[in-house]
PDB file of N, CA and C in Angstrom:
ATOM      1  N   MET A   1     -10.488  15.765   5.172  1.00  0.00           N
ATOM      2  CA  MET A   1     -11.217  14.481   5.016  1.00  0.00           C
ATOM      3  C   MET A   1     -11.663  13.975   6.413  1.00  0.00           C
ATOM      4  N   ASP A   2     -12.909  13.638   6.550  1.00  0.00           N
ATOM      5  CA  ASP A   2     -13.467  13.233   7.844  1.00  0.00           C
ATOM      6  C   ASP A   2     -12.959  11.852   8.229  1.00  0.00           C
ATOM      7  N   ASN A   3     -12.915  10.956   7.275  1.00  0.00           N
ATOM      8  CA  ASN A   3     -12.453   9.578   7.551  1.00  0.00           C
ATOM      9  C   ASN A   3     -11.272   9.293   6.667  1.00  0.00           C
ATOM     10  N   PRO A   4     -10.014   9.522   7.140  1.00  0.00           N
ATOM     11  CA  PRO A   4      -8.844   9.227   6.290  1.00  0.00           C
ATOM     12  C   PRO A   4      -8.749   7.710   6.070  1.00  0.00           C
ATOM     13  N   VAL A   5      -8.257   7.416   4.879  1.00  0.00           N
ATOM     14  CA  VAL A   5      -8.052   5.978   4.495  1.00  0.00           C
ATOM     15  C   VAL A   5      -6.645   5.653   4.842  1.00  0.00           C
ATOM     16  N   LYS A   6      -6.456   4.550   5.598  1.00  0.00           N
ATOM     17  CA  LYS A   6      -5.157   4.062   5.954  1.00  0.00           C
ATOM     18  C   LYS A   6      -4.628   3.055   4.986  1.00  0.00           C
ATOM     19  N   ILE A   7      -3.349   3.175   4.645  1.00  0.00           N
ATOM     20  CA  ILE A   7      -2.698   2.247   3.766  1.00  0.00           C
ATOM     21  C   ILE A   7      -1.634   1.543   4.657  1.00  0.00           C
ATOM     22  N   HIS A   8      -1.765   0.209   4.718  1.00  0.00           N
ATOM     23  CA  HIS A   8      -0.810  -0.537   5.551  1.00  0.00           C
ATOM     24  C   HIS A   8       0.259  -1.190   4.626  1.00  0.00           C
ATOM     25  N   PHE A   9       1.518  -1.149   5.115  1.00  0.00           N
ATOM     26  CA  PHE A   9       2.669  -1.747   4.427  1.00  0.00           C
ATOM     27  C   PHE A   9       3.109  -2.965   5.225  1.00  0.00           C
ATOM     28  N   ARG A  10       3.346  -4.076   4.584  1.00  0.00           N
ATOM     29  CA  ARG A  10       3.886  -5.254   5.282  1.00  0.00           C
ATOM     30  C   ARG A  10       4.550  -6.143   4.249  1.00  0.00           C
ATOM     31  N   CYS A  11       5.377  -7.106   4.729  1.00  0.00           N
ATOM     32  CA  CYS A  11       6.000  -8.092   3.916  1.00  0.00           C
ATOM     33  C   CYS A  11       5.317  -9.427   4.078  1.00  0.00           C
ATOM     34  N   ASN A  12       5.128 -10.147   2.943  1.00  0.00           N
ATOM     35  CA  ASN A  12       4.630 -11.491   3.069  1.00  0.00           C
ATOM     36  C   ASN A  12       5.782 -12.390   3.309  1.00  0.00           C
ATOM     37  N   PRO A  13       5.529 -13.693   3.594  1.00  0.00           N
ATOM     38  CA  PRO A  13       6.668 -14.621   3.927  1.00  0.00           C
ATOM     39  C   PRO A  13       7.724 -14.788   2.817  1.00  0.00           C
ATOM     40  N   GLN A  14       7.326 -14.441   1.579  1.00  0.00           N
ATOM     41  CA  GLN A  14       8.285 -14.508   0.474  1.00  0.00           C
ATOM     42  C   GLN A  14       9.144 -13.223   0.361  1.00  0.00           C
ATOM     43  N   GLY A  15       8.906 -12.278   1.219  1.00  0.00           N
ATOM     44  CA  GLY A  15       9.648 -10.993   1.199  1.00  0.00           C
ATOM     45  C   GLY A  15       9.116  -9.877   0.282  1.00  0.00           C
ATOM     46  N   CYS A  16       7.940 -10.117  -0.271  1.00  0.00           N
ATOM     47  CA  CYS A  16       7.330  -9.105  -1.144  1.00  0.00           C
ATOM     48  C   CYS A  16       6.529  -8.137  -0.334  1.00  0.00           C
ATOM     49  N   ILE A  17       6.557  -6.848  -0.732  1.00  0.00           N
ATOM     50  CA  ILE A  17       5.838  -5.836  -0.055  1.00  0.00           C
ATOM     51  C   ILE A  17       4.320  -5.900  -0.455  1.00  0.00           C
ATOM     52  N   ILE A  18       3.488  -5.920   0.561  1.00  0.00           N
ATOM     53  CA  ILE A  18       2.028  -5.957   0.345  1.00  0.00           C
ATOM     54  C   ILE A  18       1.479  -4.639   0.912  1.00  0.00           C
ATOM     55  N   LEU A  19       0.575  -4.027   0.133  1.00  0.00           N
ATOM     56  CA  LEU A  19      -0.121  -2.865   0.543  1.00  0.00           C
ATOM     57  C   LEU A  19      -1.566  -3.232   0.733  1.00  0.00           C
ATOM     58  N   SER A  20      -2.224  -2.722   1.813  1.00  0.00           N
ATOM     59  CA  SER A  20      -3.587  -2.926   2.048  1.00  0.00           C
ATOM     60  C   SER A  20      -4.283  -1.604   2.414  1.00  0.00           C
ATOM     61  N   ILE A  21      -5.483  -1.419   1.843  1.00  0.00           N
ATOM     62  CA  ILE A  21      -6.297  -0.260   2.162  1.00  0.00           C
ATOM     63  C   ILE A  21      -7.262  -0.678   3.196  1.00  0.00           C
ATOM     64  N   GLN A  22      -7.334   0.122   4.266  1.00  0.00           N
ATOM     65  CA  GLN A  22      -8.299  -0.099   5.309  1.00  0.00           C
ATOM     66  C   GLN A  22      -9.523   0.747   5.203  1.00  0.00           C
ATOM     67  N   CYS A  23     -10.722   0.157   5.144  1.00  0.00           N
ATOM     68  CA  CYS A  23     -11.928   0.892   4.986  1.00  0.00           C
ATOM     69  C   CYS A  23     -12.136   1.699   6.284  1.00  0.00           C
ATOM     70  N   PRO A  24     -12.403   2.978   6.188  1.00  0.00           N
ATOM     71  CA  PRO A  24     -12.649   3.795   7.440  1.00  0.00           C
ATOM     72  C   PRO A  24     -14.011   3.491   8.068  1.00  0.00           C
ATOM     73  N   THR A  25     -14.891   2.866   7.333  1.00  0.00           N
ATOM     74  CA  THR A  25     -16.213   2.595   7.823  1.00  0.00           C
ATOM     75  C   THR A  25     -16.257   1.258   8.648  1.00  0.00           C
ATOM     76  N   CYS A  26     -15.700   0.186   8.069  1.00  0.00           N
ATOM     77  CA  CYS A  26     -15.797  -1.127   8.711  1.00  0.00           C
ATOM     78  C   CYS A  26     -14.410  -1.711   9.117  1.00  0.00           C
ATOM     79  N   ASN A  27     -13.351  -1.074   8.746  1.00  0.00           N
ATOM     80  CA  ASN A  27     -11.952  -1.536   9.028  1.00  0.00           C
ATOM     81  C   ASN A  27     -11.556  -2.742   8.247  1.00  0.00           C
ATOM     82  N   GLU A  28     -12.340  -3.156   7.301  1.00  0.00           N
ATOM     83  CA  GLU A  28     -11.900  -4.281   6.435  1.00  0.00           C
ATOM     84  C   GLU A  28     -10.775  -3.853   5.594  1.00  0.00           C
ATOM     85  N   GLN A  29      -9.839  -4.759   5.317  1.00  0.00           N
ATOM     86  CA  GLN A  29      -8.655  -4.429   4.526  1.00  0.00           C
ATOM     87  C   GLN A  29      -8.724  -5.157   3.191  1.00  0.00           C
ATOM     88  N   GLN A  30      -8.305  -4.447   2.147  1.00  0.00           N
ATOM     89  CA  GLN A  30      -8.220  -5.063   0.808  1.00  0.00           C
ATOM     90  C   GLN A  30      -6.836  -4.765   0.240  1.00  0.00           C
ATOM     91  N   ASP A  31      -6.187  -5.755  -0.399  1.00  0.00           N
ATOM     92  CA  ASP A  31      -4.856  -5.529  -0.920  1.00  0.00           C
ATOM     93  C   ASP A  31      -4.924  -4.556  -2.072  1.00  0.00           C
ATOM     94  N   LEU A  32      -3.857  -3.773  -2.168  1.00  0.00           N
ATOM     95  CA  LEU A  32      -3.741  -2.741  -3.223  1.00  0.00           C
ATOM     96  C   LEU A  32      -2.592  -3.145  -4.133  1.00  0.00           C
ATOM     97  N   PRO A  33      -2.866  -3.402  -5.446  1.00  0.00           N
ATOM     98  CA  PRO A  33      -1.800  -3.748  -6.300  1.00  0.00           C
ATOM     99  C   PRO A  33      -0.838  -2.561  -6.524  1.00  0.00           C
ATOM    100  N   ILE A  34       0.440  -2.839  -6.289  1.00  0.00           N
ATOM    101  CA  ILE A  34       1.468  -1.784  -6.390  1.00  0.00           C
ATOM    102  C   ILE A  34       1.520  -1.224  -7.846  1.00  0.00           C
ATOM    103  N   ALA A  35       1.216  -2.075  -8.762  1.00  0.00           N
ATOM    104  CA  ALA A  35       1.263  -1.649 -10.201  1.00  0.00           C
ATOM    105  C   ALA A  35       0.223  -0.577 -10.511  1.00  0.00           C
ATOM    106  N   ASP A  36      -0.832  -0.456  -9.681  1.00  0.00           N
ATOM    107  CA  ASP A  36      -1.905   0.482  -9.934  1.00  0.00           C
ATOM    108  C   ASP A  36      -1.641   1.870  -9.394  1.00  0.00           C
ATOM    109  N   LEU A  37      -0.516   2.060  -8.706  1.00  0.00           N
ATOM    110  CA  LEU A  37      -0.256   3.350  -8.043  1.00  0.00           C
ATOM    111  C   LEU A  37      -0.180   4.506  -9.054  1.00  0.00           C
ATOM    112  N   ASP A  38       0.359   4.253 -10.221  1.00  0.00           N
ATOM    113  CA  ASP A  38       0.516   5.290 -11.227  1.00  0.00           C
ATOM    114  C   ASP A  38      -0.755   5.742 -11.918  1.00  0.00           C
ATOM    115  N   SER A  39      -1.765   4.749 -11.925  1.00  0.00           N
ATOM    116  CA  SER A  39      -3.000   5.044 -12.572  1.00  0.00           C
ATOM    117  C   SER A  39      -4.164   5.299 -11.651  1.00  0.00           C
ATOM    118  N   GLY A  40      -3.985   4.960 -10.383  1.00  0.00           N
ATOM    119  CA  GLY A  40      -5.063   5.066  -9.426  1.00  0.00           C
ATOM    120  C   GLY A  40      -5.832   3.736  -9.351  1.00  0.00           C
ATOM    121  N   ILE A  41      -6.675   3.654  -8.364  1.00  0.00           N
ATOM    122  CA  ILE A  41      -7.419   2.419  -8.188  1.00  0.00           C
ATOM    123  C   ILE A  41      -8.844   2.734  -7.805  1.00  0.00           C
ATOM    124  N   GLY A  42      -9.711   1.776  -7.859  1.00  0.00           N
ATOM    125  CA  GLY A  42     -11.068   1.963  -7.369  1.00  0.00           C
ATOM    126  C   GLY A  42     -11.621   0.635  -6.992  1.00  0.00           C
ATOM    127  N   PHE A  43     -12.321   0.564  -5.904  1.00  0.00           N
ATOM    128  CA  PHE A  43     -13.005  -0.680  -5.527  1.00  0.00           C
ATOM    129  C   PHE A  43     -14.128  -0.305  -4.559  1.00  0.00           C
ATOM    130  N   THR A  44     -15.029  -1.258  -4.359  1.00  0.00           N
ATOM    131  CA  THR A  44     -16.106  -1.144  -3.387  1.00  0.00           C
ATOM    132  C   THR A  44     -15.911  -2.137  -2.312  1.00  0.00           C
ATOM    133  N   CYS A  45     -15.921  -1.660  -1.033  1.00  0.00           N
ATOM    134  CA  CYS A  45     -15.678  -2.524   0.105  1.00  0.00           C
ATOM    135  C   CYS A  45     -16.949  -3.417   0.299  1.00  0.00           C
ATOM    136  N   LYS A  46     -16.826  -4.473   1.037  1.00  0.00           N
ATOM    137  CA  LYS A  46     -17.962  -5.370   1.289  1.00  0.00           C
ATOM    138  C   LYS A  46     -19.062  -4.622   2.001  1.00  0.00           C
ATOM    139  N   CYS A  47     -18.749  -3.540   2.772  1.00  0.00           N
ATOM    140  CA  CYS A  47     -19.764  -2.799   3.464  1.00  0.00           C
ATOM    141  C   CYS A  47     -20.495  -1.791   2.592  1.00  0.00           C
ATOM    142  N   GLY A  48     -20.057  -1.702   1.289  1.00  0.00           N
ATOM    143  CA  GLY A  48     -20.680  -0.756   0.382  1.00  0.00           C
ATOM    144  C   GLY A  48     -19.932   0.529   0.148  1.00  0.00           C
ATOM    145  N   GLU A  49     -18.894   0.857   0.919  1.00  0.00           N
ATOM    146  CA  GLU A  49     -18.109   2.062   0.777  1.00  0.00           C
ATOM    147  C   GLU A  49     -17.312   2.091  -0.512  1.00  0.00           C
ATOM    148  N   ASP A  50     -17.500   3.120  -1.316  1.00  0.00           N
ATOM    149  CA  ASP A  50     -16.756   3.243  -2.577  1.00  0.00           C
ATOM    150  C   ASP A  50     -15.375   3.906  -2.370  1.00  0.00           C
ATOM    151  N   PHE A  51     -14.364   3.449  -3.041  1.00  0.00           N
ATOM    152  CA  PHE A  51     -13.016   3.978  -2.971  1.00  0.00           C
ATOM    153  C   PHE A  51     -12.487   4.343  -4.361  1.00  0.00           C
ATOM    154  N   PRO A  52     -12.828   5.545  -4.869  1.00  0.00           N
ATOM    155  CA  PRO A  52     -12.209   5.944  -6.113  1.00  0.00           C
ATOM    156  C   PRO A  52     -10.931   6.743  -5.722  1.00  0.00           C
ATOM    157  N   ILE A  53      -9.832   6.087  -5.771  1.00  0.00           N
ATOM    158  CA  ILE A  53      -8.575   6.730  -5.328  1.00  0.00           C
ATOM    159  C   ILE A  53      -7.743   7.062  -6.584  1.00  0.00           C
ATOM    160  N   HIS A  54      -7.438   8.361  -6.747  1.00  0.00           N
ATOM    161  CA  HIS A  54      -6.741   8.829  -7.947  1.00  0.00           C
ATOM    162  C   HIS A  54      -5.212   8.722  -7.748  1.00  0.00           C
ATOM    163  N   ALA A  55      -4.498   8.654  -8.818  1.00  0.00           N
ATOM    164  CA  ALA A  55      -3.035   8.527  -8.770  1.00  0.00           C
ATOM    165  C   ALA A  55      -2.402   9.613  -7.986  1.00  0.00           C
ATOM    166  N   GLU A  56      -2.915  10.850  -8.122  1.00  0.00           N
ATOM    167  CA  GLU A  56      -2.321  12.048  -7.377  1.00  0.00           C
ATOM    168  C   GLU A  56      -2.450  11.789  -5.877  1.00  0.00           C
ATOM    169  N   THR A  57      -3.525  11.154  -5.426  1.00  0.00           N
ATOM    170  CA  THR A  57      -3.772  10.898  -3.983  1.00  0.00           C
ATOM    171  C   THR A  57      -2.792   9.873  -3.481  1.00  0.00           C
ATOM    172  N   LEU A  58      -2.313   8.990  -4.398  1.00  0.00           N
ATOM    173  CA  LEU A  58      -1.427   7.876  -4.001  1.00  0.00           C
ATOM    174  C   LEU A  58       0.038   8.242  -3.997  1.00  0.00           C
ATOM    175  N   LYS A  59       0.381   9.531  -4.305  1.00  0.00           N
ATOM    176  CA  LYS A  59       1.780   9.959  -4.286  1.00  0.00           C
ATOM    177  C   LYS A  59       2.464   9.736  -3.015  1.00  0.00           C
ATOM    178  N   PRO A  60       1.894   9.938  -1.823  1.00  0.00           N
ATOM    179  CA  PRO A  60       2.606   9.622  -0.589  1.00  0.00           C
ATOM    180  C   PRO A  60       2.912   8.150  -0.445  1.00  0.00           C
ATOM    181  N   VAL A  61       2.078   7.283  -0.993  1.00  0.00           N
ATOM    182  CA  VAL A  61       2.348   5.866  -0.910  1.00  0.00           C
ATOM    183  C   VAL A  61       3.535   5.523  -1.771  1.00  0.00           C
ATOM    184  N   ALA A  62       3.588   6.126  -2.962  1.00  0.00           N
ATOM    185  CA  ALA A  62       4.716   5.883  -3.906  1.00  0.00           C
ATOM    186  C   ALA A  62       6.036   6.370  -3.241  1.00  0.00           C
ATOM    187  N   ARG A  63       6.007   7.551  -2.579  1.00  0.00           N
ATOM    188  CA  ARG A  63       7.217   8.042  -1.849  1.00  0.00           C
ATOM    189  C   ARG A  63       7.609   7.085  -0.756  1.00  0.00           C
ATOM    190  N   GLU A  64       6.695   6.563  -0.006  1.00  0.00           N
ATOM    191  CA  GLU A  64       6.994   5.694   1.077  1.00  0.00           C
ATOM    192  C   GLU A  64       7.625   4.343   0.536  1.00  0.00           C
ATOM    193  N   LEU A  65       7.108   3.882  -0.611  1.00  0.00           N
ATOM    194  CA  LEU A  65       7.689   2.729  -1.235  1.00  0.00           C
ATOM    195  C   LEU A  65       9.090   2.888  -1.708  1.00  0.00           C
ATOM    196  N   ASP A  66       9.304   4.140  -2.266  1.00  0.00           N
ATOM    197  CA  ASP A  66      10.691   4.497  -2.681  1.00  0.00           C
ATOM    198  C   ASP A  66      11.606   4.421  -1.502  1.00  0.00           C
ATOM    199  N   GLU A  67      11.186   4.959  -0.332  1.00  0.00           N
ATOM    200  CA  GLU A  67      11.999   4.986   0.880  1.00  0.00           C
ATOM    201  C   GLU A  67      12.274   3.503   1.360  1.00  0.00           C
ATOM    202  N   LEU A  68      11.183   2.708   1.351  1.00  0.00           N
ATOM    203  CA  LEU A  68      11.332   1.305   1.731  1.00  0.00           C
ATOM    204  C   LEU A  68      12.321   0.543   0.838  1.00  0.00           C
ATOM    205  N   HIS A  69      12.267   0.825  -0.467  1.00  0.00           N
ATOM    206  CA  HIS A  69      13.140   0.182  -1.428  1.00  0.00           C
ATOM    207  C   HIS A  69      14.617   0.588  -1.080  1.00  0.00           C
ATOM    208  N   HIS A  70      14.797   1.834  -0.767  1.00  0.00           N
ATOM    209  CA  HIS A  70      16.090   2.308  -0.422  1.00  0.00           C
ATOM    210  C   HIS A  70      16.606   1.663   0.879  1.00  0.00           C
ATOM    211  N   LEU A  71      15.777   1.515   1.817  1.00  0.00           N
ATOM    212  CA  LEU A  71      16.145   0.952   3.100  1.00  0.00           C
ATOM    213  C   LEU A  71      16.524  -0.534   3.058  1.00  0.00           C
ATOM    214  N   ILE A  72      15.950  -1.271   2.096  1.00  0.00           N
ATOM    215  CA  ILE A  72      16.198  -2.713   2.037  1.00  0.00           C
ATOM    216  C   ILE A  72      17.344  -3.072   1.148  1.00  0.00           C
ATOM    217  N   GLN A  73      18.026  -2.059   0.606  1.00  0.00           N
ATOM    218  CA  GLN A  73      19.212  -2.383  -0.196  1.00  0.00           C
ATOM    219  C   GLN A  73      20.401  -2.427   0.745  1.00  0.00           C
ATOM    220  N   ARG A  74      20.783  -3.639   1.060  1.00  0.00           N
ATOM    221  CA  ARG A  74      21.822  -3.886   2.048  1.00  0.00           C
ATOM    222  C   ARG A  74      22.745  -4.938   1.472  1.00  0.00           C
ATOM    223  N   THR A  75      23.995  -4.937   1.976  1.00  0.00           N
ATOM    224  CA  THR A  75      25.012  -5.920   1.578  1.00  0.00           C
ATOM    225  C   THR A  75      25.574  -6.515   2.854  1.00  0.00           C
ATOM    226  N   ILE A  76      25.699  -7.814   2.964  1.00  0.00           N
ATOM    227  CA  ILE A  76      26.356  -8.442   4.068  1.00  0.00           C
ATOM    228  C   ILE A  76      27.481  -9.338   3.513  1.00  0.00           C
ATOM    229  N   GLU A  77      28.406  -9.597   4.351  1.00  0.00           N
ATOM    230  CA  GLU A  77      29.518 -10.497   3.924  1.00  0.00           C
ATOM    231  C   GLU A  77      29.526 -11.744   4.824  1.00  0.00           C
ATOM    232  N   LEU A  78      29.611 -12.884   4.241  1.00  0.00           N
ATOM    233  CA  LEU A  78      29.647 -14.138   4.927  1.00  0.00           C
ATOM    234  C   LEU A  78      31.050 -14.687   5.019  1.00  0.00           C
ATOM    235  N   PRO A  79      31.470 -15.164   6.171  1.00  0.00           N
ATOM    236  CA  PRO A  79      32.828 -15.749   6.272  1.00  0.00           C
ATOM    237  C   PRO A  79      32.778 -17.161   5.758  1.00  0.00           C
ATOM    238  N   ILE A  80      33.096 -17.360   4.461  1.00  0.00           N
ATOM    239  CA  ILE A  80      33.009 -18.681   3.889  1.00  0.00           C
ATOM    240  C   ILE A  80      34.463 -19.218   3.798  1.00  0.00           C
TER     241      ILE A  80
END
């Protein structure tokens, strides 16, 4: 692929994981609904670039999310 599409992972202030797709043409970012990973997604960027992304292509994103979910499972004890 000449222009790989970057997927950014971040947390919003409420602690929810947000995924954004970065357009390789104009670098504009659009949020990616996590629920659509199993079915694939498609959208057109403001610059006109089409993104038909299939579920198979998104498997690395799903694996990364699994890893992130595993990493955030923590227990702490408070001295009350």
